[in-house]
Amino acid sequence: MKSRPVPDYITAAVEGAEAKQAVDLVLLDLGEHSSFTDYFLISSARNTRQSQAICDEIEQRLAKAGCRTKHLEGYHQGEWILMDYGFLVVHIFSEKARGFYDLERLWRTARKVPRDEVG
């Protein structure tokens, strides 16, 4: 599958998740597989507070880049926070929820973007 340059706003989201120690961060390029988004950013958090902190950091960094969340759900429960930006959908899971929903398996045909291609 052909790689394409990762936009700066995707880099900002990845760096935001890393800044709050997101676990098992995966960026999927869905450009050839989806009509509703270009990328999935999937990560896990060790607890609800960390999930919320990751969400807050990503939201702040993307707001600085001029991007606003179109839809946010699951913030208060923290088991699965979904942030929809249109071009990017961020999934922040508890480790248990991530294993249950297994988005990487569902979207296994999408290219996993290596970290060295981001930023």
N, C-alpha and C. Protein backbone atom coordinates (compact mmCIF):
# COMPACT_ATOMS: atom_id res chain seq x y z
N MET A 1 0.84 -1.17 0.00
CA MET A 1 0.00 0.00 0.00
C MET A 1 0.89 1.24 0.00
N LYS A 2 0.56 2.17 -0.82
CA LYS A 2 1.35 3.38 -1.00
C LYS A 2 1.21 4.31 0.21
N SER A 3 2.33 4.81 0.71
CA SER A 3 2.27 5.75 1.83
C SER A 3 2.11 7.16 1.29
N ARG A 4 1.50 8.00 2.11
CA ARG A 4 1.33 9.41 1.75
C ARG A 4 1.82 10.23 2.92
N PRO A 5 2.20 11.47 2.68
CA PRO A 5 2.69 12.31 3.78
C PRO A 5 1.61 12.50 4.85
N VAL A 6 2.02 12.43 6.09
CA VAL A 6 1.10 12.61 7.22
C VAL A 6 0.97 14.10 7.49
N PRO A 7 -0.26 14.64 7.45
CA PRO A 7 -0.46 16.07 7.68
C PRO A 7 -0.05 16.50 9.09
N ASP A 8 0.29 17.77 9.23
CA ASP A 8 0.74 18.31 10.52
C ASP A 8 -0.29 18.14 11.63
N TYR A 9 -1.58 18.26 11.31
CA TYR A 9 -2.58 18.14 12.35
C TYR A 9 -2.67 16.71 12.89
N ILE A 10 -2.34 15.73 12.07
CA ILE A 10 -2.28 14.35 12.55
C ILE A 10 -1.08 14.20 13.48
N THR A 11 0.03 14.80 13.10
CA THR A 11 1.22 14.79 13.95
C THR A 11 0.90 15.42 15.30
N ALA A 12 0.17 16.52 15.31
CA ALA A 12 -0.21 17.19 16.56
C ALA A 12 -1.02 16.26 17.45
N ALA A 13 -1.94 15.50 16.87
CA ALA A 13 -2.75 14.57 17.64
C ALA A 13 -1.89 13.44 18.23
N VAL A 14 -1.00 12.89 17.42
CA VAL A 14 -0.12 11.82 17.89
C VAL A 14 0.77 12.33 19.03
N GLU A 15 1.36 13.50 18.85
CA GLU A 15 2.23 14.06 19.88
C GLU A 15 1.45 14.39 21.15
N GLY A 16 0.20 14.81 21.02
CA GLY A 16 -0.63 15.05 22.19
C GLY A 16 -0.88 13.78 22.99
N ALA A 17 -1.20 12.69 22.27
CA ALA A 17 -1.41 11.41 22.94
C ALA A 17 -0.13 10.93 23.61
N GLU A 18 0.99 11.08 22.93
CA GLU A 18 2.28 10.67 23.51
C GLU A 18 2.62 11.49 24.75
N ALA A 19 2.28 12.78 24.73
CA ALA A 19 2.59 13.66 25.86
C ALA A 19 1.88 13.21 27.14
N LYS A 20 0.76 12.53 27.00
CA LYS A 20 0.01 12.04 28.16
C LYS A 20 0.16 10.53 28.33
N GLN A 21 1.24 9.99 27.78
CA GLN A 21 1.63 8.59 27.92
C GLN A 21 0.56 7.59 27.48
N ALA A 22 -0.07 7.86 26.34
CA ALA A 22 -1.00 6.90 25.77
C ALA A 22 -0.27 5.58 25.55
N VAL A 23 -0.99 4.49 25.73
CA VAL A 23 -0.43 3.15 25.63
C VAL A 23 -0.77 2.56 24.25
N ASP A 24 0.20 1.89 23.63
CA ASP A 24 -0.01 1.18 22.36
C ASP A 24 -0.69 2.05 21.30
N LEU A 25 -0.07 3.16 21.01
CA LEU A 25 -0.58 4.11 20.04
C LEU A 25 -0.46 3.54 18.63
N VAL A 26 -1.58 3.56 17.88
CA VAL A 26 -1.60 3.06 16.51
C VAL A 26 -2.30 4.10 15.64
N LEU A 27 -1.66 4.45 14.52
CA LEU A 27 -2.26 5.34 13.54
C LEU A 27 -2.54 4.52 12.29
N LEU A 28 -3.83 4.47 11.90
CA LEU A 28 -4.24 3.75 10.70
C LEU A 28 -4.59 4.74 9.61
N ASP A 29 -4.05 4.53 8.43
CA ASP A 29 -4.37 5.34 7.26
C ASP A 29 -5.56 4.67 6.56
N LEU A 30 -6.72 5.30 6.66
CA LEU A 30 -7.93 4.73 6.09
C LEU A 30 -8.30 5.36 4.76
N GLY A 31 -7.41 6.15 4.20
CA GLY A 31 -7.69 6.89 2.98
C GLY A 31 -8.28 6.07 1.85
N GLU A 32 -7.82 4.84 1.68
CA GLU A 32 -8.30 3.98 0.60
C GLU A 32 -9.42 3.04 1.06
N HIS A 33 -9.81 3.12 2.34
CA HIS A 33 -10.76 2.16 2.90
C HIS A 33 -12.02 2.78 3.47
N SER A 34 -12.07 4.10 3.53
CA SER A 34 -13.18 4.75 4.22
C SER A 34 -13.60 6.03 3.50
N SER A 35 -14.88 6.29 3.52
CA SER A 35 -15.38 7.55 2.97
C SER A 35 -15.68 8.57 4.07
N PHE A 36 -15.59 8.14 5.35
CA PHE A 36 -15.96 9.04 6.44
C PHE A 36 -14.77 9.65 7.18
N THR A 37 -13.58 9.12 6.99
CA THR A 37 -12.40 9.69 7.64
C THR A 37 -11.15 9.25 6.90
N ASP A 38 -10.06 9.97 7.14
CA ASP A 38 -8.77 9.62 6.54
C ASP A 38 -7.90 8.77 7.46
N TYR A 39 -8.01 9.02 8.78
CA TYR A 39 -7.16 8.34 9.76
C TYR A 39 -7.94 7.95 11.00
N PHE A 40 -7.52 6.84 11.60
CA PHE A 40 -7.90 6.47 12.96
C PHE A 40 -6.64 6.58 13.81
N LEU A 41 -6.75 7.21 14.95
CA LEU A 41 -5.70 7.20 15.96
C LEU A 41 -6.27 6.41 17.13
N ILE A 42 -5.66 5.28 17.43
CA ILE A 42 -6.16 4.37 18.46
C ILE A 42 -5.12 4.27 19.56
N SER A 43 -5.58 4.39 20.81
CA SER A 43 -4.67 4.23 21.94
C SER A 43 -5.43 3.67 23.12
N SER A 44 -4.68 3.27 24.12
CA SER A 44 -5.23 2.81 25.39
C SER A 44 -4.75 3.72 26.50
N ALA A 45 -5.51 3.70 27.59
CA ALA A 45 -5.13 4.44 28.80
C ALA A 45 -5.31 3.50 29.99
N ARG A 46 -4.57 3.78 31.02
CA ARG A 46 -4.59 2.91 32.20
C ARG A 46 -5.78 3.15 33.12
N ASN A 47 -6.39 4.34 33.01
CA ASN A 47 -7.55 4.67 33.84
C ASN A 47 -8.32 5.81 33.21
N THR A 48 -9.48 6.12 33.80
CA THR A 48 -10.36 7.16 33.26
C THR A 48 -9.68 8.52 33.22
N ARG A 49 -8.97 8.87 34.26
CA ARG A 49 -8.30 10.18 34.29
C ARG A 49 -7.28 10.31 33.16
N GLN A 50 -6.55 9.25 32.92
CA GLN A 50 -5.57 9.31 31.83
C GLN A 50 -6.29 9.41 30.48
N SER A 51 -7.38 8.68 30.30
CA SER A 51 -8.16 8.79 29.06
C SER A 51 -8.59 10.22 28.83
N GLN A 52 -9.11 10.86 29.86
CA GLN A 52 -9.57 12.23 29.76
C GLN A 52 -8.40 13.19 29.50
N ALA A 53 -7.27 12.94 30.14
CA ALA A 53 -6.09 13.80 29.93
C ALA A 53 -5.59 13.69 28.49
N ILE A 54 -5.59 12.49 27.93
CA ILE A 54 -5.18 12.29 26.53
C ILE A 54 -6.15 13.06 25.62
N CYS A 55 -7.42 12.91 25.87
CA CYS A 55 -8.45 13.60 25.09
C CYS A 55 -8.25 15.11 25.16
N ASP A 56 -8.08 15.63 26.36
CA ASP A 56 -7.91 17.08 26.54
C ASP A 56 -6.69 17.61 25.80
N GLU A 57 -5.60 16.86 25.88
CA GLU A 57 -4.35 17.29 25.24
C GLU A 57 -4.49 17.30 23.71
N ILE A 58 -5.09 16.26 23.17
CA ILE A 58 -5.30 16.20 21.72
C ILE A 58 -6.21 17.35 21.30
N GLU A 59 -7.28 17.57 22.04
CA GLU A 59 -8.22 18.64 21.71
C GLU A 59 -7.53 20.01 21.73
N GLN A 60 -6.69 20.25 22.73
CA GLN A 60 -5.98 21.53 22.82
C GLN A 60 -5.01 21.71 21.66
N ARG A 61 -4.25 20.68 21.36
CA ARG A 61 -3.26 20.80 20.28
C ARG A 61 -3.92 20.99 18.91
N LEU A 62 -5.02 20.29 18.68
CA LEU A 62 -5.69 20.46 17.40
C LEU A 62 -6.42 21.80 17.32
N ALA A 63 -6.92 22.29 18.44
CA ALA A 63 -7.54 23.61 18.45
C ALA A 63 -6.52 24.68 18.07
N LYS A 64 -5.29 24.54 18.56
CA LYS A 64 -4.22 25.48 18.19
C LYS A 64 -3.92 25.41 16.69
N ALA A 65 -4.16 24.25 16.10
CA ALA A 65 -3.94 24.07 14.66
C ALA A 65 -5.18 24.48 13.85
N GLY A 66 -6.20 24.97 14.55
CA GLY A 66 -7.41 25.43 13.87
C GLY A 66 -8.45 24.36 13.62
N CYS A 67 -8.32 23.22 14.27
CA CYS A 67 -9.26 22.11 14.07
C CYS A 67 -10.16 21.96 15.30
N ARG A 68 -11.43 21.78 15.07
CA ARG A 68 -12.40 21.62 16.15
C ARG A 68 -13.05 20.25 16.07
N THR A 69 -13.35 19.70 17.23
CA THR A 69 -14.03 18.41 17.31
C THR A 69 -15.45 18.56 16.77
N LYS A 70 -15.83 17.67 15.86
CA LYS A 70 -17.21 17.67 15.35
C LYS A 70 -18.13 16.89 16.28
N HIS A 71 -17.56 15.88 16.91
CA HIS A 71 -18.35 15.03 17.81
C HIS A 71 -17.42 14.43 18.86
N LEU A 72 -17.88 14.42 20.09
CA LEU A 72 -17.12 13.83 21.20
C LEU A 72 -18.09 13.01 22.03
N GLU A 73 -17.71 11.78 22.32
CA GLU A 73 -18.55 10.98 23.20
C GLU A 73 -17.70 10.07 24.07
N GLY A 74 -18.26 9.69 25.21
CA GLY A 74 -17.61 8.78 26.14
C GLY A 74 -16.65 9.43 27.11
N TYR A 75 -16.56 10.74 27.11
CA TYR A 75 -15.57 11.44 27.94
C TYR A 75 -15.76 11.14 29.43
N HIS A 76 -16.97 11.23 29.92
CA HIS A 76 -17.18 11.08 31.37
C HIS A 76 -16.97 9.65 31.85
N GLN A 77 -17.32 8.67 31.04
CA GLN A 77 -17.12 7.27 31.42
C GLN A 77 -15.65 6.85 31.25
N GLY A 78 -15.03 7.33 30.19
CA GLY A 78 -13.62 7.07 29.95
C GLY A 78 -13.26 5.68 29.47
N GLU A 79 -14.24 4.82 29.25
CA GLU A 79 -13.96 3.47 28.74
C GLU A 79 -13.58 3.51 27.27
N TRP A 80 -14.28 4.34 26.51
CA TRP A 80 -14.01 4.52 25.09
C TRP A 80 -14.39 5.95 24.76
N ILE A 81 -13.38 6.78 24.61
CA ILE A 81 -13.62 8.16 24.20
C ILE A 81 -13.42 8.22 22.70
N LEU A 82 -14.41 8.78 22.01
CA LEU A 82 -14.35 8.92 20.57
C LEU A 82 -14.37 10.41 20.25
N MET A 83 -13.37 10.84 19.50
CA MET A 83 -13.26 12.23 19.07
C MET A 83 -13.28 12.24 17.54
N ASP A 84 -14.29 12.87 16.96
CA ASP A 84 -14.43 12.90 15.51
C ASP A 84 -14.10 14.29 14.99
N TYR A 85 -13.08 14.36 14.16
CA TYR A 85 -12.68 15.61 13.52
C TYR A 85 -13.02 15.63 12.03
N GLY A 86 -13.64 14.59 11.56
CA GLY A 86 -13.90 14.46 10.12
C GLY A 86 -12.75 13.77 9.43
N PHE A 87 -11.62 14.43 9.34
CA PHE A 87 -10.41 13.87 8.71
C PHE A 87 -9.71 12.85 9.60
N LEU A 88 -10.04 12.89 10.90
CA LEU A 88 -9.41 12.03 11.91
C LEU A 88 -10.45 11.61 12.93
N VAL A 89 -10.45 10.33 13.28
CA VAL A 89 -11.26 9.84 14.39
C VAL A 89 -10.29 9.25 15.41
N VAL A 90 -10.34 9.80 16.63
CA VAL A 90 -9.48 9.36 17.72
C VAL A 90 -10.28 8.43 18.62
N HIS A 91 -9.69 7.29 18.94
CA HIS A 91 -10.31 6.32 19.85
C HIS A 91 -9.36 6.15 21.03
N ILE A 92 -9.83 6.48 22.22
CA ILE A 92 -9.04 6.30 23.43
C ILE A 92 -9.78 5.27 24.29
N PHE A 93 -9.20 4.11 24.44
CA PHE A 93 -9.85 2.98 25.10
C PHE A 93 -9.24 2.68 26.46
N SER A 94 -10.04 2.09 27.34
CA SER A 94 -9.46 1.36 28.46
C SER A 94 -8.86 0.11 27.82
N GLU A 95 -7.93 -0.54 28.49
CA GLU A 95 -7.30 -1.72 27.90
C GLU A 95 -8.32 -2.83 27.67
N LYS A 96 -9.28 -2.97 28.57
CA LYS A 96 -10.32 -4.00 28.44
C LYS A 96 -11.21 -3.72 27.22
N ALA A 97 -11.66 -2.48 27.08
CA ALA A 97 -12.54 -2.11 25.96
C ALA A 97 -11.81 -2.26 24.63
N ARG A 98 -10.54 -1.90 24.61
CA ARG A 98 -9.78 -2.01 23.36
C ARG A 98 -9.71 -3.46 22.89
N GLY A 99 -9.47 -4.35 23.82
CA GLY A 99 -9.42 -5.77 23.46
C GLY A 99 -10.77 -6.28 22.97
N PHE A 100 -11.84 -5.79 23.58
CA PHE A 100 -13.18 -6.23 23.20
C PHE A 100 -13.56 -5.75 21.80
N TYR A 101 -13.35 -4.48 21.51
CA TYR A 101 -13.76 -3.91 20.22
C TYR A 101 -12.75 -4.19 19.11
N ASP A 102 -11.49 -4.31 19.43
CA ASP A 102 -10.43 -4.73 18.51
C ASP A 102 -10.52 -4.06 17.13
N LEU A 103 -10.47 -2.74 17.13
CA LEU A 103 -10.57 -1.98 15.87
C LEU A 103 -9.44 -2.31 14.90
N GLU A 104 -8.26 -2.61 15.43
CA GLU A 104 -7.16 -2.95 14.53
C GLU A 104 -7.48 -4.18 13.70
N ARG A 105 -8.19 -5.13 14.29
CA ARG A 105 -8.58 -6.33 13.54
C ARG A 105 -9.66 -5.98 12.52
N LEU A 106 -10.64 -5.17 12.94
CA LEU A 106 -11.73 -4.79 12.04
C LEU A 106 -11.22 -4.01 10.82
N TRP A 107 -10.19 -3.20 11.03
CA TRP A 107 -9.63 -2.37 9.96
C TRP A 107 -8.24 -2.88 9.55
N ARG A 108 -8.04 -4.19 9.59
CA ARG A 108 -6.73 -4.79 9.34
C ARG A 108 -6.18 -4.52 7.94
N THR A 109 -7.04 -4.19 7.00
CA THR A 109 -6.55 -3.90 5.65
C THR A 109 -5.99 -2.49 5.53
N ALA A 110 -6.23 -1.66 6.52
CA ALA A 110 -5.68 -0.29 6.51
C ALA A 110 -4.20 -0.34 6.87
N ARG A 111 -3.46 0.60 6.33
CA ARG A 111 -2.02 0.65 6.60
C ARG A 111 -1.75 1.25 7.97
N LYS A 112 -0.94 0.55 8.77
CA LYS A 112 -0.45 1.11 10.03
C LYS A 112 0.70 2.04 9.69
N VAL A 113 0.56 3.29 10.10
CA VAL A 113 1.58 4.28 9.80
C VAL A 113 2.68 4.19 10.85
N PRO A 114 3.92 3.89 10.45
CA PRO A 114 5.02 3.81 11.41
C PRO A 114 5.28 5.19 12.04
N ARG A 115 5.72 5.19 13.28
CA ARG A 115 5.95 6.44 14.01
C ARG A 115 6.94 7.33 13.29
N ASP A 116 7.94 6.76 12.65
CA ASP A 116 8.95 7.59 11.98
C ASP A 116 8.42 8.32 10.74
N GLU A 117 7.20 8.00 10.31
CA GLU A 117 6.56 8.72 9.21
C GLU A 117 5.67 9.85 9.72
N VAL A 118 5.52 9.96 11.02
CA VAL A 118 4.67 10.98 11.63
C VAL A 118 5.55 12.08 12.19
N GLY A 119 5.43 13.27 11.61
CA GLY A 119 6.20 14.43 12.12
C GLY A 119 7.62 14.29 11.82
